[in-house]
Structure formats: C-alpha cells, structure tokens
C-alpha cells in the first residue's frame, strides 16, 4: 500500500480488532442418537478444537451408522491440509452408499 492513511487504518484494524473463533456448540447426546443415516467423520489426530480420542469414542457410541477416521498428524482443518485424502474418502463414502441405495 502506498497511502499511509490506508496502511495505518488497516494496521489499526489488525492490532485492535482481532478476530476470535466462536466456541463450538456440540450436539447433545439425544441429537446424536437421533442420527439414522450413514455418516463418515474424518478427524485430525491433533485437532486444536476437540480432543480427538474423546470425540471419536462419543460418535462411535452414539451414532451406530457412523464410521470415524482419524488422520495421523493432521490438525482440525484436516480437509484443507489433506485435501486429496479427504476428497477420496468422501467419494468412496458417497459411491458406497449410492451403490447400496440403488
């Protein structure tokens, strides 16, 4: 930027108005038990948002039709850090359930 006023304005915004992630609002047990369709969940082993081990156990206990995959070394944004793997798993999941349905 060449305009010092615009640069100061942008810098002020970055320094004084930091964005914050909203805390996640997990689904309650009753809502998870009510899921009656196949679900594939991909979790990053090193998620910064959830305890992966606990979340996996909770999903497996409450959603009988769920499959859970934990990607070793990945963080919370596993679909961004492991794009090809996430896309391949999604395609496999959809293809498998499309074949079963029809």
N, C-alpha and C. Protein backbone atom coordinates (compact mmCIF):
# COMPACT_ATOMS: atom_id res chain seq x y z
N UNK A 1 0.84 -1.18 0.00
CA UNK A 1 0.00 0.00 0.00
C UNK A 1 0.87 1.24 0.00
N UNK A 2 0.48 2.19 -0.81
CA UNK A 2 1.26 3.42 -0.88
C UNK A 2 0.66 4.54 -0.06
N UNK A 3 -0.62 4.46 0.23
CA UNK A 3 -1.28 5.51 1.00
C UNK A 3 -1.10 5.23 2.49
N UNK A 4 -0.34 6.08 3.18
CA UNK A 4 -0.02 5.86 4.58
C UNK A 4 -1.28 5.84 5.45
N UNK A 5 -2.29 6.60 5.09
CA UNK A 5 -3.53 6.62 5.88
C UNK A 5 -4.25 5.26 5.80
N UNK A 6 -4.29 4.69 4.62
CA UNK A 6 -4.93 3.39 4.45
C UNK A 6 -4.13 2.32 5.18
N UNK A 7 -2.81 2.40 5.10
CA UNK A 7 -1.96 1.45 5.79
C UNK A 7 -2.16 1.53 7.31
N UNK A 8 -2.22 2.74 7.86
CA UNK A 8 -2.46 2.91 9.30
C UNK A 8 -3.83 2.37 9.68
N UNK A 9 -4.83 2.62 8.85
CA UNK A 9 -6.19 2.14 9.10
C UNK A 9 -6.20 0.60 9.15
N UNK A 10 -5.55 -0.03 8.17
CA UNK A 10 -5.50 -1.50 8.12
C UNK A 10 -4.73 -2.06 9.32
N UNK A 11 -3.63 -1.45 9.66
CA UNK A 11 -2.82 -1.90 10.79
C UNK A 11 -3.60 -1.75 12.10
N UNK A 12 -4.30 -0.64 12.25
CA UNK A 12 -5.12 -0.42 13.44
C UNK A 12 -6.18 -1.52 13.57
N UNK A 13 -6.80 -1.88 12.46
CA UNK A 13 -7.81 -2.93 12.48
C UNK A 13 -7.23 -4.26 12.90
N UNK A 14 -6.05 -4.59 12.40
CA UNK A 14 -5.43 -5.87 12.74
C UNK A 14 -4.98 -5.91 14.20
N UNK A 15 -4.49 -4.80 14.71
CA UNK A 15 -3.97 -4.78 16.07
C UNK A 15 -5.06 -4.67 17.13
N UNK A 16 -6.13 -3.97 16.82
CA UNK A 16 -7.13 -3.66 17.84
C UNK A 16 -8.46 -4.40 17.68
N UNK A 17 -8.61 -5.13 16.63
CA UNK A 17 -9.88 -5.82 16.39
C UNK A 17 -9.60 -7.24 15.92
N UNK A 18 -8.96 -7.99 16.76
CA UNK A 18 -8.60 -9.36 16.40
C UNK A 18 -9.86 -10.22 16.29
N UNK A 19 -9.85 -11.06 15.29
CA UNK A 19 -10.98 -11.97 15.15
C UNK A 19 -10.82 -13.09 16.17
N UNK A 20 -11.94 -13.62 16.60
CA UNK A 20 -11.93 -14.71 17.56
C UNK A 20 -12.82 -15.83 17.04
N UNK A 21 -12.36 -17.04 17.21
CA UNK A 21 -13.19 -18.17 16.86
C UNK A 21 -14.30 -18.29 17.89
N UNK A 22 -15.50 -18.52 17.41
CA UNK A 22 -16.60 -18.76 18.33
C UNK A 22 -16.43 -20.15 18.93
N UNK A 23 -16.76 -20.30 20.20
CA UNK A 23 -16.62 -21.63 20.78
C UNK A 23 -17.60 -22.59 20.11
N UNK A 24 -17.16 -23.82 19.86
CA UNK A 24 -18.06 -24.78 19.22
C UNK A 24 -19.22 -25.14 20.14
N UNK A 25 -20.36 -25.40 19.55
CA UNK A 25 -21.52 -25.84 20.29
C UNK A 25 -21.82 -27.28 19.86
N UNK A 26 -21.34 -28.23 20.65
CA UNK A 26 -21.53 -29.63 20.25
C UNK A 26 -23.00 -30.03 20.32
N UNK A 27 -23.35 -30.99 19.49
CA UNK A 27 -24.69 -31.55 19.55
C UNK A 27 -24.83 -32.37 20.83
N UNK A 28 -26.00 -32.33 21.40
CA UNK A 28 -26.26 -33.12 22.60
C UNK A 28 -26.39 -34.60 22.26
N UNK A 29 -26.29 -35.44 23.28
CA UNK A 29 -26.37 -36.88 23.07
C UNK A 29 -27.67 -37.29 22.40
N UNK A 30 -28.78 -36.71 22.80
CA UNK A 30 -30.08 -37.06 22.19
C UNK A 30 -30.09 -36.77 20.70
N UNK A 31 -29.52 -35.65 20.30
CA UNK A 31 -29.49 -35.31 18.87
C UNK A 31 -28.58 -36.25 18.10
N UNK A 32 -27.47 -36.64 18.69
CA UNK A 32 -26.58 -37.58 18.03
C UNK A 32 -27.22 -38.96 17.92
N UNK A 33 -27.91 -39.40 18.96
CA UNK A 33 -28.58 -40.70 18.90
C UNK A 33 -29.67 -40.72 17.82
N UNK A 34 -30.22 -39.56 17.52
CA UNK A 34 -31.31 -39.47 16.54
C UNK A 34 -30.81 -39.57 15.09
N UNK A 35 -29.51 -39.49 14.88
CA UNK A 35 -28.98 -39.59 13.52
C UNK A 35 -29.20 -41.02 13.04
N UNK A 36 -29.96 -41.16 11.96
CA UNK A 36 -30.29 -42.50 11.48
C UNK A 36 -29.90 -42.71 10.02
N UNK A 37 -28.87 -42.03 9.60
CA UNK A 37 -28.33 -42.18 8.25
C UNK A 37 -26.84 -42.46 8.36
N UNK A 38 -26.25 -43.06 7.34
CA UNK A 38 -24.80 -43.29 7.37
C UNK A 38 -24.03 -41.97 7.44
N UNK A 39 -23.01 -41.96 8.25
CA UNK A 39 -22.18 -40.76 8.46
C UNK A 39 -20.72 -41.18 8.42
N UNK A 40 -19.91 -40.40 7.73
CA UNK A 40 -18.46 -40.61 7.78
C UNK A 40 -17.84 -39.35 8.37
N UNK A 41 -17.07 -39.52 9.42
CA UNK A 41 -16.43 -38.39 10.10
C UNK A 41 -14.92 -38.56 9.97
N UNK A 42 -14.27 -37.52 9.47
CA UNK A 42 -12.81 -37.52 9.39
C UNK A 42 -12.30 -36.53 10.42
N UNK A 43 -11.46 -37.00 11.30
CA UNK A 43 -10.91 -36.16 12.37
C UNK A 43 -9.39 -36.07 12.23
N UNK A 44 -8.86 -34.91 12.57
CA UNK A 44 -7.41 -34.77 12.64
C UNK A 44 -6.93 -35.23 14.00
N UNK A 45 -5.90 -36.02 14.01
CA UNK A 45 -5.35 -36.54 15.27
C UNK A 45 -4.97 -35.42 16.24
N UNK A 46 -4.52 -34.31 15.70
CA UNK A 46 -4.04 -33.20 16.53
C UNK A 46 -4.96 -31.98 16.44
N UNK A 47 -6.26 -32.22 16.45
CA UNK A 47 -7.21 -31.11 16.38
C UNK A 47 -6.97 -30.12 17.51
N UNK A 48 -7.00 -28.85 17.15
CA UNK A 48 -6.83 -27.79 18.14
C UNK A 48 -8.16 -27.44 18.80
N UNK A 49 -9.25 -28.01 18.31
CA UNK A 49 -10.59 -27.65 18.78
C UNK A 49 -11.19 -28.73 19.68
N UNK A 50 -10.98 -29.99 19.34
CA UNK A 50 -11.58 -31.09 20.08
C UNK A 50 -10.50 -32.07 20.52
N UNK A 51 -10.80 -32.82 21.57
CA UNK A 51 -9.96 -33.96 21.93
C UNK A 51 -10.39 -35.11 21.03
N UNK A 52 -9.58 -35.42 20.08
CA UNK A 52 -9.95 -36.38 19.04
C UNK A 52 -10.36 -37.73 19.61
N UNK A 53 -9.62 -38.24 20.54
CA UNK A 53 -9.93 -39.56 21.12
C UNK A 53 -11.32 -39.56 21.75
N UNK A 54 -11.63 -38.51 22.52
CA UNK A 54 -12.93 -38.41 23.18
C UNK A 54 -14.06 -38.25 22.16
N UNK A 55 -13.83 -37.42 21.16
CA UNK A 55 -14.86 -37.20 20.14
C UNK A 55 -15.13 -38.47 19.36
N UNK A 56 -14.09 -39.18 19.00
CA UNK A 56 -14.27 -40.44 18.27
C UNK A 56 -15.10 -41.42 19.09
N UNK A 57 -14.75 -41.58 20.36
CA UNK A 57 -15.49 -42.51 21.22
C UNK A 57 -16.95 -42.10 21.36
N UNK A 58 -17.20 -40.82 21.46
CA UNK A 58 -18.57 -40.31 21.60
C UNK A 58 -19.38 -40.59 20.34
N UNK A 59 -18.80 -40.31 19.19
CA UNK A 59 -19.50 -40.55 17.92
C UNK A 59 -19.79 -42.04 17.77
N UNK A 60 -18.80 -42.86 18.00
CA UNK A 60 -18.99 -44.30 17.83
C UNK A 60 -20.04 -44.86 18.79
N UNK A 61 -20.12 -44.30 19.99
CA UNK A 61 -21.09 -44.78 20.97
C UNK A 61 -22.52 -44.32 20.66
N UNK A 62 -22.66 -43.14 20.09
CA UNK A 62 -23.99 -42.55 19.93
C UNK A 62 -24.56 -42.61 18.52
N UNK A 63 -23.71 -42.80 17.52
CA UNK A 63 -24.18 -42.83 16.13
C UNK A 63 -23.78 -44.18 15.53
N UNK A 64 -24.66 -45.17 15.62
CA UNK A 64 -24.31 -46.52 15.20
C UNK A 64 -23.89 -46.65 13.74
N UNK A 65 -24.42 -45.81 12.87
CA UNK A 65 -24.09 -45.92 11.45
C UNK A 65 -22.86 -45.10 11.06
N UNK A 66 -22.18 -44.54 12.04
CA UNK A 66 -21.02 -43.69 11.74
C UNK A 66 -19.76 -44.52 11.57
N UNK A 67 -18.94 -44.07 10.64
CA UNK A 67 -17.56 -44.54 10.55
C UNK A 67 -16.70 -43.33 10.86
N UNK A 68 -15.66 -43.55 11.63
CA UNK A 68 -14.79 -42.46 12.04
C UNK A 68 -13.37 -42.79 11.62
N UNK A 69 -12.76 -41.85 10.93
CA UNK A 69 -11.37 -41.99 10.50
C UNK A 69 -10.55 -40.89 11.15
N UNK A 70 -9.44 -41.25 11.75
CA UNK A 70 -8.53 -40.27 12.35
C UNK A 70 -7.29 -40.21 11.47
N UNK A 71 -6.97 -39.01 11.00
CA UNK A 71 -5.81 -38.81 10.14
C UNK A 71 -4.61 -38.45 11.02
N UNK A 72 -3.63 -39.33 11.03
CA UNK A 72 -2.44 -39.16 11.85
C UNK A 72 -1.70 -37.87 11.50
N UNK A 73 -1.40 -37.10 12.53
CA UNK A 73 -0.62 -35.88 12.35
C UNK A 73 -1.40 -34.67 11.88
N UNK A 74 -2.65 -34.85 11.49
CA UNK A 74 -3.44 -33.73 10.98
C UNK A 74 -4.05 -32.93 12.12
N UNK A 75 -4.26 -31.64 11.87
CA UNK A 75 -4.94 -30.78 12.82
C UNK A 75 -6.43 -30.75 12.53
N UNK A 76 -7.11 -29.76 13.08
CA UNK A 76 -8.56 -29.66 12.95
C UNK A 76 -9.00 -29.47 11.50
N UNK A 77 -8.23 -28.75 10.72
CA UNK A 77 -8.61 -28.45 9.33
C UNK A 77 -8.11 -29.55 8.39
N UNK A 78 -8.41 -30.79 8.75
CA UNK A 78 -7.89 -31.94 8.00
C UNK A 78 -8.33 -31.92 6.54
N UNK A 79 -9.50 -31.40 6.24
CA UNK A 79 -9.95 -31.36 4.84
C UNK A 79 -9.17 -30.34 4.02
N UNK A 80 -8.48 -29.43 4.68
CA UNK A 80 -7.63 -28.46 3.98
C UNK A 80 -6.19 -28.93 3.91
N UNK A 81 -5.71 -29.55 4.98
CA UNK A 81 -4.32 -29.99 5.00
C UNK A 81 -4.11 -31.31 4.25
N UNK A 82 -5.16 -32.09 4.10
CA UNK A 82 -5.08 -33.39 3.42
C UNK A 82 -6.21 -33.47 2.39
N UNK A 83 -6.20 -32.53 1.47
CA UNK A 83 -7.30 -32.38 0.50
C UNK A 83 -7.56 -33.65 -0.28
N UNK A 84 -6.52 -34.24 -0.85
CA UNK A 84 -6.71 -35.43 -1.69
C UNK A 84 -7.29 -36.59 -0.87
N UNK A 85 -6.77 -36.78 0.31
CA UNK A 85 -7.27 -37.87 1.16
C UNK A 85 -8.73 -37.64 1.53
N UNK A 86 -9.06 -36.42 1.93
CA UNK A 86 -10.45 -36.10 2.31
C UNK A 86 -11.39 -36.29 1.12
N UNK A 87 -10.98 -35.82 -0.05
CA UNK A 87 -11.81 -35.96 -1.25
C UNK A 87 -11.99 -37.43 -1.63
N UNK A 88 -10.92 -38.21 -1.54
CA UNK A 88 -11.01 -39.64 -1.86
C UNK A 88 -11.96 -40.36 -0.91
N UNK A 89 -11.85 -40.07 0.40
CA UNK A 89 -12.73 -40.72 1.38
C UNK A 89 -14.18 -40.33 1.16
N UNK A 90 -14.41 -39.07 0.87
CA UNK A 90 -15.78 -38.61 0.62
C UNK A 90 -16.36 -39.30 -0.61
N UNK A 91 -15.58 -39.39 -1.67
CA UNK A 91 -16.04 -40.06 -2.89
C UNK A 91 -16.33 -41.53 -2.62
N UNK A 92 -15.45 -42.20 -1.87
CA UNK A 92 -15.66 -43.62 -1.54
C UNK A 92 -16.94 -43.80 -0.72
N UNK A 93 -17.13 -42.93 0.25
CA UNK A 93 -18.32 -42.99 1.10
C UNK A 93 -19.60 -42.80 0.27
N UNK A 94 -19.60 -41.76 -0.56
CA UNK A 94 -20.79 -41.50 -1.38
C UNK A 94 -21.03 -42.60 -2.40
N UNK A 95 -19.97 -43.06 -3.06
CA UNK A 95 -20.12 -44.15 -4.04
C UNK A 95 -20.65 -45.42 -3.36
N UNK A 96 -20.13 -45.73 -2.20
CA UNK A 96 -20.56 -46.93 -1.49
C UNK A 96 -22.02 -46.89 -1.10
N UNK A 97 -22.48 -45.72 -0.69
CA UNK A 97 -23.88 -45.62 -0.27
C UNK A 97 -24.82 -45.43 -1.45
N UNK A 98 -24.32 -44.89 -2.53
CA UNK A 98 -25.14 -44.78 -3.75
C UNK A 98 -25.38 -46.17 -4.32
N UNK A 99 -24.34 -47.00 -4.31
CA UNK A 99 -24.47 -48.36 -4.82
C UNK A 99 -25.43 -49.18 -3.96
N UNK A 100 -25.35 -49.00 -2.64
CA UNK A 100 -26.22 -49.73 -1.72
C UNK A 100 -27.68 -49.28 -1.86
N UNK A 101 -27.88 -48.02 -2.20
CA UNK A 101 -29.23 -47.49 -2.31
C UNK A 101 -29.90 -47.83 -3.63
N UNK A 102 -29.08 -48.12 -4.61
CA UNK A 102 -29.77 -48.25 -5.85
C UNK A 102 -29.34 -49.18 -6.86
